[in-house]
Amino acid sequence: MLIQVRAYFTEKATVLGWTGAGGYFTAEALESFLGMALTGIMLISSVAMNWQKYQALQNEERRKEELHRRAMEEPKKDID
């Protein structure tokens, strides 16, 4: 009877150990994958943010040029 109890717990401990090891390695792989995915997302968002800033600066420069062009086209009024 004692041998059967020991064999039962030995078998269950082995199954539990393999399950725990499998879970651990799965979690490690998932963590690595999520880390790579988040790094990629951060790089893409950084590029997108800098592109947006670049576009905003270009639009601001175009607006200034347009205002300057309009100011140059308006006829000068003489103040006498």
C-alpha atoms as a PDB file:
ATOM      1  CA  MET A   1       0.000   0.000   0.000  1.00  0.00           C
ATOM      2  CA  LEU A   2       2.783   2.440   0.902  1.00  0.00           C
ATOM      3  CA  ILE A   3       4.578   1.667  -2.357  1.00  0.00           C
ATOM      4  CA  GLN A   4       1.403   2.403  -4.323  1.00  0.00           C
ATOM      5  CA  VAL A   5       1.002   5.738  -2.530  1.00  0.00           C
ATOM      6  CA  ARG A   6       4.637   6.661  -3.219  1.00  0.00           C
ATOM      7  CA  ALA A   7       4.302   5.618  -6.868  1.00  0.00           C
ATOM      8  CA  TYR A   8       1.120   7.701  -7.203  1.00  0.00           C
ATOM      9  CA  PHE A   9       2.749  10.837  -5.770  1.00  0.00           C
ATOM     10  CA  THR A  10       5.947  10.272  -7.739  1.00  0.00           C
ATOM     11  CA  GLU A  11       3.963  10.035 -10.962  1.00  0.00           C
ATOM     12  CA  LYS A  12       1.830  13.087 -10.148  1.00  0.00           C
ATOM     13  CA  ALA A  13       4.897  15.097  -9.088  1.00  0.00           C
ATOM     14  CA  THR A  14       6.557  14.253 -12.407  1.00  0.00           C
ATOM     15  CA  VAL A  15       3.470  15.317 -14.353  1.00  0.00           C
ATOM     16  CA  LEU A  16       3.225  18.498 -12.281  1.00  0.00           C
ATOM     17  CA  GLY A  17       6.927  19.172 -12.826  1.00  0.00           C
ATOM     18  CA  TRP A  18       6.679  18.746 -16.580  1.00  0.00           C
ATOM     19  CA  THR A  19       3.566  20.904 -16.658  1.00  0.00           C
ATOM     20  CA  GLY A  20       5.310  23.610 -14.671  1.00  0.00           C
ATOM     21  CA  ALA A  21       8.393  23.471 -16.886  1.00  0.00           C
ATOM     22  CA  GLY A  22       6.266  23.640 -20.015  1.00  0.00           C
ATOM     23  CA  GLY A  23       4.300  26.559 -18.606  1.00  0.00           C
ATOM     24  CA  TYR A  24       7.509  28.353 -17.667  1.00  0.00           C
ATOM     25  CA  PHE A  25       9.077  27.969 -21.102  1.00  0.00           C
ATOM     26  CA  THR A  26       5.805  28.990 -22.768  1.00  0.00           C
ATOM     27  CA  ALA A  27       5.669  32.113 -20.611  1.00  0.00           C
ATOM     28  CA  GLU A  28       9.309  32.917 -21.429  1.00  0.00           C
ATOM     29  CA  ALA A  29       8.658  32.532 -25.146  1.00  0.00           C
ATOM     30  CA  LEU A  30       5.509  34.650 -24.913  1.00  0.00           C
ATOM     31  CA  GLU A  31       7.386  37.328 -22.975  1.00  0.00           C
ATOM     32  CA  SER A  32      10.127  37.389 -25.608  1.00  0.00           C
ATOM     33  CA  PHE A  33       7.584  37.593 -28.418  1.00  0.00           C
ATOM     34  CA  LEU A  34       5.619  40.372 -26.719  1.00  0.00           C
ATOM     35  CA  GLY A  35       8.839  42.242 -26.032  1.00  0.00           C
ATOM     36  CA  MET A  36       9.776  42.103 -29.708  1.00  0.00           C
ATOM     37  CA  ALA A  37       6.266  43.099 -30.765  1.00  0.00           C
ATOM     38  CA  LEU A  38       6.163  46.066 -28.396  1.00  0.00           C
ATOM     39  CA  THR A  39       9.622  47.172 -29.507  1.00  0.00           C
ATOM     40  CA  GLY A  40       8.444  47.111 -33.115  1.00  0.00           C
ATOM     41  CA  ILE A  41       5.302  49.043 -32.245  1.00  0.00           C
ATOM     42  CA  MET A  42       7.343  51.652 -30.373  1.00  0.00           C
ATOM     43  CA  LEU A  43       9.680  52.072 -33.349  1.00  0.00           C
ATOM     44  CA  ILE A  44       6.785  52.445 -35.768  1.00  0.00           C
ATOM     45  CA  SER A  45       5.007  54.963 -33.542  1.00  0.00           C
ATOM     46  CA  SER A  46       8.235  56.943 -33.114  1.00  0.00           C
ATOM     47  CA  VAL A  47       8.729  57.126 -36.881  1.00  0.00           C
ATOM     48  CA  ALA A  48       5.082  58.124 -37.356  1.00  0.00           C
ATOM     49  CA  MET A  49       5.323  60.836 -34.701  1.00  0.00           C
ATOM     50  CA  ASN A  50       8.490  62.302 -36.229  1.00  0.00           C
ATOM     51  CA  TRP A  51       6.926  62.186 -39.697  1.00  0.00           C
ATOM     52  CA  GLN A  52       3.919  64.076 -38.336  1.00  0.00           C
ATOM     53  CA  LYS A  53       6.214  66.727 -36.823  1.00  0.00           C
ATOM     54  CA  TYR A  54       8.057  67.013 -40.134  1.00  0.00           C
ATOM     55  CA  GLN A  55       4.777  67.459 -42.028  1.00  0.00           C
ATOM     56  CA  ALA A  56       3.625  70.094 -39.525  1.00  0.00           C
ATOM     57  CA  LEU A  57       6.856  72.057 -40.003  1.00  0.00           C
ATOM     58  CA  GLN A  58       6.490  71.865 -43.790  1.00  0.00           C
ATOM     59  CA  ASN A  59       2.870  73.043 -43.600  1.00  0.00           C
ATOM     60  CA  GLU A  60       3.840  75.933 -41.331  1.00  0.00           C
ATOM     61  CA  GLU A  61       6.580  76.971 -43.767  1.00  0.00           C
ATOM     62  CA  ARG A  62       4.123  76.820 -46.666  1.00  0.00           C
ATOM     63  CA  ARG A  63       1.630  78.965 -44.748  1.00  0.00           C
ATOM     64  CA  LYS A  64       4.316  81.572 -44.053  1.00  0.00           C
ATOM     65  CA  GLU A  65       5.353  81.619 -47.708  1.00  0.00           C
ATOM     66  CA  GLU A  66       1.720  81.988 -48.801  1.00  0.00           C
ATOM     67  CA  LEU A  67       1.128  84.865 -46.384  1.00  0.00           C
ATOM     68  CA  HIS A  68       4.319  86.545 -47.573  1.00  0.00           C
ATOM     69  CA  ARG A  69       3.299  86.077 -51.215  1.00  0.00           C
ATOM     70  CA  ARG A  70      -0.144  87.559 -50.551  1.00  0.00           C
ATOM     71  CA  ALA A  71       1.377  90.494 -48.706  1.00  0.00           C
ATOM     72  CA  MET A  72       3.688  91.176 -51.651  1.00  0.00           C
ATOM     73  CA  GLU A  73       0.779  91.044 -54.150  1.00  0.00           C
ATOM     74  CA  GLU A  74      -1.372  93.574 -52.318  1.00  0.00           C
ATOM     75  CA  PRO A  75      -1.041  97.078 -53.679  1.00  0.00           C
ATOM     76  CA  LYS A  76       0.717  99.515 -51.398  1.00  0.00           C
ATOM     77  CA  LYS A  77      -1.449 102.311 -50.072  1.00  0.00           C
ATOM     78  CA  ASP A  78       0.185 105.709 -49.919  1.00  0.00           C
ATOM     79  CA  ILE A  79      -0.438 107.558 -46.733  1.00  0.00           C
ATOM     80  CA  ASP A  80      -0.440 111.308 -47.537  1.00  0.00           C
END
